[in-house]
C-alpha atoms as a PDB file:
ATOM      1  CA  GLN A   1     -24.036 -74.118  18.426  1.00  0.00           C
ATOM      2  CA  THR A   2     -23.595 -73.878  22.762  1.00  0.00           C
ATOM      3  CA  GLY A   3     -25.586 -77.342  22.870  1.00  0.00           C
ATOM      4  CA  ALA A   4     -28.275 -75.601  24.955  1.00  0.00           C
ATOM      5  CA  TRP A   5     -30.600 -76.792  22.141  1.00  0.00           C
ATOM      6  CA  PRO A   6     -29.492 -79.930  20.579  1.00  0.00           C
ATOM      7  CA  ILE A   7     -31.319 -81.035  17.270  1.00  0.00           C
ATOM      8  CA  ALA A   8     -31.794 -84.716  17.179  1.00  0.00           C
ATOM      9  CA  GLU A   9     -34.125 -87.422  16.187  1.00  0.00           C
ATOM     10  CA  ILE A  10     -35.539 -89.981  18.151  1.00  0.00           C
ATOM     11  CA  ASP A  11     -37.508 -92.983  16.377  1.00  0.00           C
ATOM     12  CA  HIS A  12     -38.463 -96.222  17.853  1.00  0.00           C
ATOM     13  CA  GLY A  13     -35.527 -95.883  20.368  1.00  0.00           C
ATOM     14  CA  GLU A  14     -33.052 -94.899  17.956  1.00  0.00           C
ATOM     15  CA  PHE A  15     -31.112 -91.769  18.326  1.00  0.00           C
ATOM     16  CA  LYS A  16     -29.308 -89.636  15.907  1.00  0.00           C
ATOM     17  CA  LEU A  17     -27.777 -86.134  16.746  1.00  0.00           C
ATOM     18  CA  ASN A  18     -28.228 -83.788  13.593  1.00  0.00           C
ATOM     19  CA  ILE A  19     -25.965 -81.055  14.096  1.00  0.00           C
ATOM     20  CA  LYS A  20     -22.602 -82.043  15.974  1.00  0.00           C
ATOM     21  CA  PRO A  21     -20.479 -78.799  16.210  1.00  0.00           C
ATOM     22  CA  LYS A  22     -16.683 -79.771  16.676  1.00  0.00           C
ATOM     23  CA  GLU A  23     -16.534 -77.571  19.656  1.00  0.00           C
ATOM     24  CA  LEU A  24     -19.440 -76.003  21.718  1.00  0.00           C
ATOM     25  CA  LYS A  25     -19.545 -72.277  21.953  1.00  0.00           C
ATOM     26  CA  PRO A  26     -19.892 -70.992  25.564  1.00  0.00           C
ATOM     27  CA  VAL A  27     -23.284 -70.722  26.858  1.00  0.00           C
ATOM     28  CA  LYS A  28     -22.420 -67.146  27.707  1.00  0.00           C
ATOM     29  CA  GLU A  29     -22.303 -66.120  23.883  1.00  0.00           C
ATOM     30  CA  TYR A  30     -25.991 -67.178  23.904  1.00  0.00           C
ATOM     31  CA  LEU A  31     -27.018 -65.688  27.090  1.00  0.00           C
ATOM     32  CA  ASP A  32     -25.344 -62.364  27.005  1.00  0.00           C
ATOM     33  CA  PRO A  33     -27.096 -60.802  24.016  1.00  0.00           C
ATOM     34  CA  GLN A  34     -30.712 -61.654  25.592  1.00  0.00           C
ATOM     35  CA  ARG A  35     -31.400 -59.073  28.174  1.00  0.00           C
ATOM     36  CA  ARG A  36     -33.909 -61.531  29.697  1.00  0.00           C
ATOM     37  CA  PHE A  37     -30.869 -63.416  31.141  1.00  0.00           C
ATOM     38  CA  ARG A  38     -28.982 -60.586  32.464  1.00  0.00           C
ATOM     39  CA  HIS A  39     -29.760 -60.982  36.135  1.00  0.00           C
ATOM     40  CA  LEU A  40     -27.511 -64.450  35.848  1.00  0.00           C
ATOM     41  CA  ASP A  41     -24.475 -64.096  37.490  1.00  0.00           C
ATOM     42  CA  THR A  42     -21.108 -65.656  36.545  1.00  0.00           C
ATOM     43  CA  GLU A  43     -21.341 -68.641  38.972  1.00  0.00           C
ATOM     44  CA  LEU A  44     -25.032 -69.356  37.730  1.00  0.00           C
ATOM     45  CA  VAL A  45     -23.813 -69.304  34.086  1.00  0.00           C
ATOM     46  CA  GLU A  46     -20.962 -71.663  34.908  1.00  0.00           C
ATOM     47  CA  ILE A  47     -23.599 -74.003  36.647  1.00  0.00           C
ATOM     48  CA  ILE A  48     -25.622 -73.880  33.443  1.00  0.00           C
ATOM     49  CA  GLN A  49     -22.508 -74.760  31.113  1.00  0.00           C
ATOM     50  CA  GLY A  50     -21.658 -77.529  33.418  1.00  0.00           C
ATOM     51  CA  HIS A  51     -25.294 -79.072  32.769  1.00  0.00           C
ATOM     52  CA  ILE A  52     -25.014 -78.349  29.248  1.00  0.00           C
ATOM     53  CA  GLN A  53     -21.739 -80.029  29.071  1.00  0.00           C
ATOM     54  CA  ASP A  54     -23.073 -83.187  30.875  1.00  0.00           C
ATOM     55  CA  ASP A  55     -26.183 -83.318  28.614  1.00  0.00           C
ATOM     56  CA  TRP A  56     -24.128 -82.799  25.697  1.00  0.00           C
ATOM     57  CA  ASP A  57     -21.817 -85.684  26.636  1.00  0.00           C
ATOM     58  CA  SER A  58     -24.830 -87.927  27.079  1.00  0.00           C
ATOM     59  CA  TYR A  59     -26.016 -86.836  23.631  1.00  0.00           C
ATOM     60  CA  LEU A  60     -22.923 -87.845  21.919  1.00  0.00           C
ATOM     61  CA  SER A  61     -22.713 -91.061  23.542  1.00  0.00           C
ATOM     62  CA  MET A  62     -26.327 -91.900  22.412  1.00  0.00           C
ATOM     63  CA  ASP A  63     -25.516 -90.837  19.227  1.00  0.00           C
ATOM     64  CA  ALA A  64     -22.306 -93.004  18.769  1.00  0.00           C
ATOM     65  CA  GLN A  65     -24.587 -96.289  19.969  1.00  0.00           C
ATOM     66  CA  GLY A  66     -27.451 -95.037  17.824  1.00  0.00           C
ATOM     67  CA  LYS A  67     -30.029 -95.612  20.273  1.00  0.00           C
ATOM     68  CA  LEU A  68     -31.456 -94.551  23.665  1.00  0.00           C
ATOM     69  CA  PRO A  69     -29.932 -96.286  26.822  1.00  0.00           C
ATOM     70  CA  TRP A  70     -33.226 -97.727  28.263  1.00  0.00           C
ATOM     71  CA  TYR A  71     -34.390 -99.102  24.670  1.00  0.00           C
END
């Protein structure tokens, strides 16, 4: 639901995003309950969130086109 672990299918260059939440939950909701991430400060979590959002935007674009951009 945060976009950190997208569920997608790739087959011979075809791309399909299987789960597309209307709105991504903040990655902080995923990281906070897990003690192994407690060393991450707010700035780093914001950086991670930015990377996830950038990747998610790419996944949505590939899903809309139905293919990988390099195929």
